[in-house]
Amino acid sequence: MKRVALLGLLLLLLAGCVDYNEELWLNKDGSGKVRMLIGALTSYENNKEINRYINQPGISLISKSIYRKKNLTYYNLVFKFNSLETFNNLNDQISNADFFGRITLKKAEDGSILFKRRIALGSPSGEEDEIEQLIFTHPQENLKWRYKLHVPWKIVKANAAAANIDYKTGTVDWEYQTAYLWNKSQTMTVIMQQSFPWVLVMTLALAVLVILISLLWWRRHIKKLHSQIQTELKA
């Protein structure tokens, strides 16, 4: 049932898709949030298939809206996912149109973190499937795929245009033409570095300071109490 539902959605959206915009917020634990805006050359609004698609384990819908603009139908979806595994499961490989791809996070020995996401349209072997044949019915130059990523760590390097990397806010943008993606994959990569945990260090330092002050106070208190006892004994 899942495969049929997702196939129906992909056939609906990709067959006439002229625009795909995605914004992804990634958390340190692998959870995150996604906003997808899909413009399709169709007048048919398929709420049922979209509801099935986002009604998967680990997926929480935040908002959904469908609207018409000129001859396009726009699907605006915002949802949360509880892990990278959940996000990766959205792509069940029923088609070569692998625009969700798979995300991996790997930590290197030097402490840096590597984000990788491989996406593809079409088959590297050149074989076409049902979805590809439908996509070919519309001019590929009109199809654009945009991805924006927000990361929780400091960006060191990314394979995006320099103007599309914002080191201050931790965001990276990629934009691909369908013709550039067709029958070959592309991998989005970001190398990040964990920032020094100043808050944790300051908290620990404050805790140590409080303990030292408490010990000093207790020592003085014991010393004073001992002195009082000695005075009373002498009296």
C-alpha atoms as a PDB file:
ATOM      1  CA  MET A   1       0.000   0.000   0.000  1.00  0.00           C
ATOM      2  CA  LYS A   2       2.845   2.387   0.849  1.00  0.00           C
ATOM      3  CA  ARG A   3       4.546   1.794  -2.487  1.00  0.00           C
ATOM      4  CA  VAL A   4       1.313   2.344  -4.392  1.00  0.00           C
ATOM      5  CA  ALA A   5       0.516   5.526  -2.471  1.00  0.00           C
ATOM      6  CA  LEU A   6       3.962   7.010  -2.976  1.00  0.00           C
ATOM      7  CA  LEU A   7       3.990   6.037  -6.627  1.00  0.00           C
ATOM      8  CA  GLY A   8       0.664   7.798  -7.053  1.00  0.00           C
ATOM      9  CA  LEU A   9       2.003  10.955  -5.448  1.00  0.00           C
ATOM     10  CA  LEU A  10       5.194  10.939  -7.499  1.00  0.00           C
ATOM     11  CA  LEU A  11       3.269  10.368 -10.698  1.00  0.00           C
ATOM     12  CA  LEU A  12       0.988  13.241  -9.784  1.00  0.00           C
ATOM     13  CA  LEU A  13       3.713  15.700  -8.820  1.00  0.00           C
ATOM     14  CA  LEU A  14       6.661  14.814 -10.998  1.00  0.00           C
ATOM     15  CA  ALA A  15       4.721  14.296 -14.187  1.00  0.00           C
ATOM     16  CA  GLY A  16       3.929  17.979 -14.360  1.00  0.00           C
ATOM     17  CA  CYS A  17       6.344  19.402 -11.814  1.00  0.00           C
ATOM     18  CA  VAL A  18       7.871  22.687 -12.864  1.00  0.00           C
ATOM     19  CA  ASP A  19       9.307  23.726  -9.551  1.00  0.00           C
ATOM     20  CA  TYR A  20      10.587  22.011  -6.419  1.00  0.00           C
ATOM     21  CA  ASN A  21      11.737  23.970  -3.373  1.00  0.00           C
ATOM     22  CA  GLU A  22      12.837  22.313  -0.175  1.00  0.00           C
ATOM     23  CA  GLU A  23      14.109  23.783   3.072  1.00  0.00           C
ATOM     24  CA  LEU A  24      15.490  21.442   5.710  1.00  0.00           C
ATOM     25  CA  TRP A  25      16.396  22.213   9.314  1.00  0.00           C
ATOM     26  CA  LEU A  26      18.676  19.564  10.807  1.00  0.00           C
ATOM     27  CA  ASN A  27      19.166  19.047  14.543  1.00  0.00           C
ATOM     28  CA  LYS A  28      22.227  17.581  16.240  1.00  0.00           C
ATOM     29  CA  ASP A  29      20.401  14.354  17.117  1.00  0.00           C
ATOM     30  CA  GLY A  30      19.413  13.685  13.501  1.00  0.00           C
ATOM     31  CA  SER A  31      15.836  14.885  13.831  1.00  0.00           C
ATOM     32  CA  GLY A  32      14.619  17.877  11.903  1.00  0.00           C
ATOM     33  CA  LYS A  33      11.976  19.760   9.975  1.00  0.00           C
ATOM     34  CA  VAL A  34      11.256  20.022   6.254  1.00  0.00           C
ATOM     35  CA  ARG A  35       9.290  22.506   4.175  1.00  0.00           C
ATOM     36  CA  MET A  36       8.464  21.426   0.635  1.00  0.00           C
ATOM     37  CA  LEU A  37       6.878  23.650  -1.994  1.00  0.00           C
ATOM     38  CA  ILE A  38       6.008  21.800  -5.181  1.00  0.00           C
ATOM     39  CA  GLY A  39       4.542  23.477  -8.237  1.00  0.00           C
ATOM     40  CA  ALA A  40       2.799  21.125 -10.656  1.00  0.00           C
ATOM     41  CA  LEU A  41       1.234  21.649 -14.068  1.00  0.00           C
ATOM     42  CA  THR A  42      -2.020  20.056 -13.060  1.00  0.00           C
ATOM     43  CA  SER A  43      -5.463  21.168 -11.931  1.00  0.00           C
ATOM     44  CA  TYR A  44      -5.996  17.977  -9.932  1.00  0.00           C
ATOM     45  CA  GLU A  45      -5.532  18.314  -6.167  1.00  0.00           C
ATOM     46  CA  ASN A  46      -4.780  14.946  -4.664  1.00  0.00           C
ATOM     47  CA  ASN A  47      -5.113  15.382  -0.889  1.00  0.00           C
ATOM     48  CA  LYS A  48      -5.572  11.669  -0.303  1.00  0.00           C
ATOM     49  CA  GLU A  49      -2.219  10.639  -1.733  1.00  0.00           C
ATOM     50  CA  ILE A  50      -0.372  13.454   0.037  1.00  0.00           C
ATOM     51  CA  ASN A  51      -1.940  12.490   3.364  1.00  0.00           C
ATOM     52  CA  ARG A  52      -0.821   8.902   2.879  1.00  0.00           C
ATOM     53  CA  TYR A  53       2.644  10.023   1.956  1.00  0.00           C
ATOM     54  CA  ILE A  54       3.230  12.122   5.074  1.00  0.00           C
ATOM     55  CA  ASN A  55       1.385   9.712   7.352  1.00  0.00           C
ATOM     56  CA  GLN A  56       4.452   7.555   7.964  1.00  0.00           C
ATOM     57  CA  PRO A  57       6.002   6.417  11.288  1.00  0.00           C
ATOM     58  CA  GLY A  58       8.220   9.138  12.758  1.00  0.00           C
ATOM     59  CA  ILE A  59       6.682  11.880  10.581  1.00  0.00           C
ATOM     60  CA  SER A  60       4.622  14.663  12.194  1.00  0.00           C
ATOM     61  CA  LEU A  61       2.703  17.025   9.933  1.00  0.00           C
ATOM     62  CA  ILE A  62       2.944  20.688  10.950  1.00  0.00           C
ATOM     63  CA  SER A  63       1.006  22.292   8.133  1.00  0.00           C
ATOM     64  CA  LYS A  64      -0.340  21.581   4.677  1.00  0.00           C
ATOM     65  CA  SER A  65      -1.789  23.878   2.064  1.00  0.00           C
ATOM     66  CA  ILE A  66      -2.704  23.513  -1.583  1.00  0.00           C
ATOM     67  CA  TYR A  67      -3.409  26.494  -3.794  1.00  0.00           C
ATOM     68  CA  ARG A  68      -3.718  27.467  -7.429  1.00  0.00           C
ATOM     69  CA  LYS A  69      -1.666  30.140  -9.156  1.00  0.00           C
ATOM     70  CA  LYS A  70      -2.288  30.681 -12.851  1.00  0.00           C
ATOM     71  CA  ASN A  71      -2.124  27.195 -14.381  1.00  0.00           C
ATOM     72  CA  LEU A  72      -0.130  25.673 -11.538  1.00  0.00           C
ATOM     73  CA  THR A  73      -1.134  23.769  -8.429  1.00  0.00           C
ATOM     74  CA  TYR A  74       1.162  24.361  -5.459  1.00  0.00           C
ATOM     75  CA  TYR A  75       1.616  21.887  -2.612  1.00  0.00           C
ATOM     76  CA  ASN A  76       3.116  23.454   0.510  1.00  0.00           C
ATOM     77  CA  LEU A  77       4.009  20.845   3.138  1.00  0.00           C
ATOM     78  CA  VAL A  78       5.806  21.298   6.456  1.00  0.00           C
ATOM     79  CA  PHE A  79       6.570  18.293   8.627  1.00  0.00           C
ATOM     80  CA  LYS A  80       8.966  17.035  11.288  1.00  0.00           C
ATOM     81  CA  PHE A  81      10.962  13.793  11.274  1.00  0.00           C
ATOM     82  CA  ASN A  82      12.377  12.155  14.402  1.00  0.00           C
ATOM     83  CA  SER A  83      15.554  10.705  12.875  1.00  0.00           C
ATOM     84  CA  LEU A  84      17.626  10.516   9.708  1.00  0.00           C
ATOM     85  CA  GLU A  85      16.444   6.952   9.273  1.00  0.00           C
ATOM     86  CA  THR A  86      12.860   8.197   9.204  1.00  0.00           C
ATOM     87  CA  PHE A  87      13.726  10.852   6.637  1.00  0.00           C
ATOM     88  CA  ASN A  88      15.638   8.390   4.480  1.00  0.00           C
ATOM     89  CA  ASN A  89      12.697   5.995   4.590  1.00  0.00           C
ATOM     90  CA  LEU A  90      10.615   8.549   2.694  1.00  0.00           C
ATOM     91  CA  ASN A  91      12.563   7.398  -0.329  1.00  0.00           C
ATOM     92  CA  ASP A  92      11.589   3.759  -0.882  1.00  0.00           C
ATOM     93  CA  GLN A  93      13.335   3.484  -4.250  1.00  0.00           C
ATOM     94  CA  ILE A  94      10.190   2.768  -6.255  1.00  0.00           C
ATOM     95  CA  SER A  95      11.448   4.980  -9.025  1.00  0.00           C
ATOM     96  CA  ASN A  96      14.653   6.407 -10.431  1.00  0.00           C
ATOM     97  CA  ALA A  97      13.329   9.869  -9.520  1.00  0.00           C
ATOM     98  CA  ASP A  98      15.312   9.938  -6.294  1.00  0.00           C
ATOM     99  CA  PHE A  99      14.907  13.592  -5.407  1.00  0.00           C
ATOM    100  CA  PHE A 100      14.747  12.912  -1.644  1.00  0.00           C
ATOM    101  CA  GLY A 101      17.960  10.954  -1.708  1.00  0.00           C
ATOM    102  CA  ARG A 102      19.671   9.749   1.446  1.00  0.00           C
ATOM    103  CA  ILE A 103      21.362  11.764   4.167  1.00  0.00           C
ATOM    104  CA  THR A 104      24.383  10.592   6.141  1.00  0.00           C
ATOM    105  CA  LEU A 105      26.323  12.260   8.955  1.00  0.00           C
ATOM    106  CA  LYS A 106      29.817  11.030   9.753  1.00  0.00           C
ATOM    107  CA  LYS A 107      32.210  12.275  12.404  1.00  0.00           C
ATOM    108  CA  ALA A 108      35.903  12.302  11.534  1.00  0.00           C
ATOM    109  CA  GLU A 109      38.836  11.761  13.883  1.00  0.00           C
ATOM    110  CA  ASP A 110      39.585  15.488  13.906  1.00  0.00           C
ATOM    111  CA  GLY A 111      36.079  16.184  15.247  1.00  0.00           C
ATOM    112  CA  SER A 112      34.658  17.513  11.994  1.00  0.00           C
ATOM    113  CA  ILE A 113      31.253  16.320  10.785  1.00  0.00           C
ATOM    114  CA  LEU A 114      30.521  15.427   7.172  1.00  0.00           C
ATOM    115  CA  PHE A 115      26.999  15.851   5.803  1.00  0.00           C
ATOM    116  CA  LYS A 116      26.275  14.026   2.553  1.00  0.00           C
ATOM    117  CA  ARG A 117      23.051  13.801   0.571  1.00  0.00           C
ATOM    118  CA  ARG A 118      22.909  12.049  -2.760  1.00  0.00           C
ATOM    119  CA  ILE A 119      20.057  12.868  -5.152  1.00  0.00           C
ATOM    120  CA  ALA A 120      19.326  11.712  -8.669  1.00  0.00           C
ATOM    121  CA  LEU A 121      16.809  11.980 -11.468  1.00  0.00           C
ATOM    122  CA  GLY A 122      16.685   9.179 -13.978  1.00  0.00           C
ATOM    123  CA  SER A 123      18.829   6.085 -14.121  1.00  0.00           C
ATOM    124  CA  PRO A 124      22.606   6.099 -14.650  1.00  0.00           C
ATOM    125  CA  SER A 125      22.021   3.176 -17.005  1.00  0.00           C
ATOM    126  CA  GLY A 126      19.730   5.321 -19.157  1.00  0.00           C
ATOM    127  CA  GLU A 127      16.714   3.106 -18.585  1.00  0.00           C
ATOM    128  CA  GLU A 128      13.403   4.924 -18.257  1.00  0.00           C
ATOM    129  CA  ASP A 129      10.525   4.109 -15.940  1.00  0.00           C
ATOM    130  CA  GLU A 130       6.929   5.345 -15.826  1.00  0.00           C
ATOM    131  CA  ILE A 131       7.744   8.545 -13.970  1.00  0.00           C
ATOM    132  CA  GLU A 132      10.607   9.447 -16.279  1.00  0.00           C
ATOM    133  CA  GLN A 133       8.429   9.017 -19.345  1.00  0.00           C
ATOM    134  CA  LEU A 134       5.866  11.394 -17.851  1.00  0.00           C
ATOM    135  CA  ILE A 135       8.501  13.960 -16.953  1.00  0.00           C
ATOM    136  CA  PHE A 136       9.738  13.918 -20.549  1.00  0.00           C
ATOM    137  CA  THR A 137       6.330  15.236 -21.663  1.00  0.00           C
ATOM    138  CA  HIS A 138       7.319  18.679 -20.327  1.00  0.00           C
ATOM    139  CA  PRO A 139      10.375  20.804 -21.232  1.00  0.00           C
ATOM    140  CA  GLN A 140      13.205  19.965 -18.861  1.00  0.00           C
ATOM    141  CA  GLU A 141      14.570  23.511 -18.905  1.00  0.00           C
ATOM    142  CA  ASN A 142      11.513  24.549 -16.876  1.00  0.00           C
ATOM    143  CA  LEU A 143      12.282  22.112 -14.099  1.00  0.00           C
ATOM    144  CA  LYS A 144      14.384  23.334 -11.203  1.00  0.00           C
ATOM    145  CA  TRP A 145      15.248  21.604  -7.964  1.00  0.00           C
ATOM    146  CA  ARG A 146      16.228  23.833  -5.046  1.00  0.00           C
ATOM    147  CA  TYR A 147      17.487  22.658  -1.674  1.00  0.00           C
ATOM    148  CA  LYS A 148      18.238  24.810   1.353  1.00  0.00           C
ATOM    149  CA  LEU A 149      19.888  23.292   4.422  1.00  0.00           C
ATOM    150  CA  HIS A 150      20.177  24.680   7.967  1.00  0.00           C
ATOM    151  CA  VAL A 151      22.847  22.946  10.064  1.00  0.00           C
ATOM    152  CA  PRO A 152      23.448  23.132  13.834  1.00  0.00           C
ATOM    153  CA  TRP A 153      27.235  23.255  13.572  1.00  0.00           C
ATOM    154  CA  LYS A 154      29.771  25.718  12.184  1.00  0.00           C
ATOM    155  CA  ILE A 155      30.193  25.362   8.422  1.00  0.00           C
ATOM    156  CA  VAL A 156      33.781  24.884   7.271  1.00  0.00           C
ATOM    157  CA  LYS A 157      33.215  24.014   3.616  1.00  0.00           C
ATOM    158  CA  ALA A 158      30.395  23.045   1.230  1.00  0.00           C
ATOM    159  CA  ASN A 159      30.208  22.086  -2.443  1.00  0.00           C
ATOM    160  CA  ALA A 160      27.836  24.935  -3.259  1.00  0.00           C
ATOM    161  CA  ALA A 161      28.488  28.292  -4.871  1.00  0.00           C
ATOM    162  CA  ALA A 162      30.290  30.651  -2.502  1.00  0.00           C
ATOM    163  CA  ALA A 163      27.388  33.090  -2.638  1.00  0.00           C
ATOM    164  CA  ASN A 164      25.048  30.310  -1.474  1.00  0.00           C
ATOM    165  CA  ILE A 165      26.950  29.545   1.740  1.00  0.00           C
ATOM    166  CA  ASP A 166      26.065  31.618   4.800  1.00  0.00           C
ATOM    167  CA  TYR A 167      28.628  30.837   7.457  1.00  0.00           C
ATOM    168  CA  LYS A 168      26.997  33.099  10.056  1.00  0.00           C
ATOM    169  CA  THR A 169      23.556  31.524   9.947  1.00  0.00           C
ATOM    170  CA  GLY A 170      24.739  28.012   9.039  1.00  0.00           C
ATOM    171  CA  THR A 171      22.792  27.657   5.794  1.00  0.00           C
ATOM    172  CA  VAL A 172      23.671  26.310   2.341  1.00  0.00           C
ATOM    173  CA  ASP A 173      21.667  26.520  -0.897  1.00  0.00           C
ATOM    174  CA  TRP A 174      21.884  24.287  -3.962  1.00  0.00           C
ATOM    175  CA  GLU A 175      19.982  24.686  -7.233  1.00  0.00           C
ATOM    176  CA  TYR A 176      19.934  22.159 -10.072  1.00  0.00           C
ATOM    177  CA  GLN A 177      18.417  22.070 -13.526  1.00  0.00           C
ATOM    178  CA  THR A 178      16.719  18.801 -14.398  1.00  0.00           C
ATOM    179  CA  ALA A 179      18.905  18.386 -17.464  1.00  0.00           C
ATOM    180  CA  TYR A 180      21.966  18.571 -15.192  1.00  0.00           C
ATOM    181  CA  LEU A 181      20.588  15.883 -12.872  1.00  0.00           C
ATOM    182  CA  TRP A 182      19.233  13.590 -15.544  1.00  0.00           C
ATOM    183  CA  ASN A 183      20.666  10.052 -15.597  1.00  0.00           C
ATOM    184  CA  LYS A 184      23.364  10.944 -13.117  1.00  0.00           C
ATOM    185  CA  SER A 185      23.480  11.604  -9.411  1.00  0.00           C
ATOM    186  CA  GLN A 186      24.666  14.642  -7.503  1.00  0.00           C
ATOM    187  CA  THR A 187      25.888  14.736  -3.922  1.00  0.00           C
ATOM    188  CA  MET A 188      25.446  17.704  -1.631  1.00  0.00           C
ATOM    189  CA  THR A 189      28.257  17.865   0.931  1.00  0.00           C
ATOM    190  CA  VAL A 190      28.953  20.092   3.909  1.00  0.00           C
ATOM    191  CA  ILE A 191      31.935  19.839   6.251  1.00  0.00           C
ATOM    192  CA  MET A 192      31.180  21.220   9.700  1.00  0.00           C
ATOM    193  CA  GLN A 193      33.009  21.720  12.969  1.00  0.00           C
ATOM    194  CA  GLN A 194      31.445  21.520  16.381  1.00  0.00           C
ATOM    195  CA  SER A 195      31.776  24.824  18.185  1.00  0.00           C
ATOM    196  CA  PHE A 196      33.635  24.914  21.480  1.00  0.00           C
ATOM    197  CA  PRO A 197      31.119  24.215  24.276  1.00  0.00           C
ATOM    198  CA  TRP A 198      31.646  27.482  26.144  1.00  0.00           C
ATOM    199  CA  VAL A 199      28.306  27.220  27.935  1.00  0.00           C
ATOM    200  CA  LEU A 200      29.147  23.752  29.238  1.00  0.00           C
ATOM    201  CA  VAL A 201      32.634  24.812  30.281  1.00  0.00           C
ATOM    202  CA  MET A 202      31.334  27.906  32.081  1.00  0.00           C
ATOM    203  CA  THR A 203      28.659  25.848  33.813  1.00  0.00           C
ATOM    204  CA  LEU A 204      31.224  23.317  35.005  1.00  0.00           C
ATOM    205  CA  ALA A 205      33.575  26.086  36.119  1.00  0.00           C
ATOM    206  CA  LEU A 206      30.757  27.743  38.058  1.00  0.00           C
ATOM    207  CA  ALA A 207      29.853  24.429  39.665  1.00  0.00           C
ATOM    208  CA  VAL A 208      33.499  23.868  40.723  1.00  0.00           C
ATOM    209  CA  LEU A 209      33.649  27.414  42.112  1.00  0.00           C
ATOM    210  CA  VAL A 210      30.490  26.872  44.143  1.00  0.00           C
ATOM    211  CA  ILE A 211      31.889  23.602  45.516  1.00  0.00           C
ATOM    212  CA  LEU A 212      35.195  25.270  46.481  1.00  0.00           C
ATOM    213  CA  ILE A 213      33.406  28.158  48.198  1.00  0.00           C
ATOM    214  CA  SER A 214      31.191  25.689  50.041  1.00  0.00           C
ATOM    215  CA  LEU A 215      34.221  23.679  51.188  1.00  0.00           C
ATOM    216  CA  LEU A 216      36.020  26.814  52.371  1.00  0.00           C
ATOM    217  CA  TRP A 217      32.915  27.969  54.221  1.00  0.00           C
ATOM    218  CA  TRP A 218      32.484  24.540  55.795  1.00  0.00           C
ATOM    219  CA  ARG A 219      36.142  24.432  56.819  1.00  0.00           C
ATOM    220  CA  ARG A 220      35.901  27.863  58.449  1.00  0.00           C
ATOM    221  CA  HIS A 221      32.656  26.864  60.125  1.00  0.00           C
ATOM    222  CA  ILE A 222      34.198  23.667  61.531  1.00  0.00           C
ATOM    223  CA  LYS A 223      37.270  25.592  62.673  1.00  0.00           C
ATOM    224  CA  LYS A 224      35.131  28.198  64.401  1.00  0.00           C
ATOM    225  CA  LEU A 225      32.975  25.532  66.025  1.00  0.00           C
ATOM    226  CA  HIS A 226      36.087  23.707  67.244  1.00  0.00           C
ATOM    227  CA  SER A 227      37.432  26.942  68.695  1.00  0.00           C
ATOM    228  CA  GLN A 228      34.164  27.580  70.559  1.00  0.00           C
ATOM    229  CA  ILE A 229      34.206  24.068  71.989  1.00  0.00           C
ATOM    230  CA  GLN A 230      37.787  24.513  73.179  1.00  0.00           C
ATOM    231  CA  THR A 231      36.884  27.820  74.822  1.00  0.00           C
ATOM    232  CA  GLU A 232      33.915  26.266  76.602  1.00  0.00           C
ATOM    233  CA  LEU A 233      36.050  23.378  77.844  1.00  0.00           C
ATOM    234  CA  LYS A 234      38.645  25.734  79.255  1.00  0.00           C
ATOM    235  CA  ALA A 235      35.938  27.719  81.027  1.00  0.00           C
END
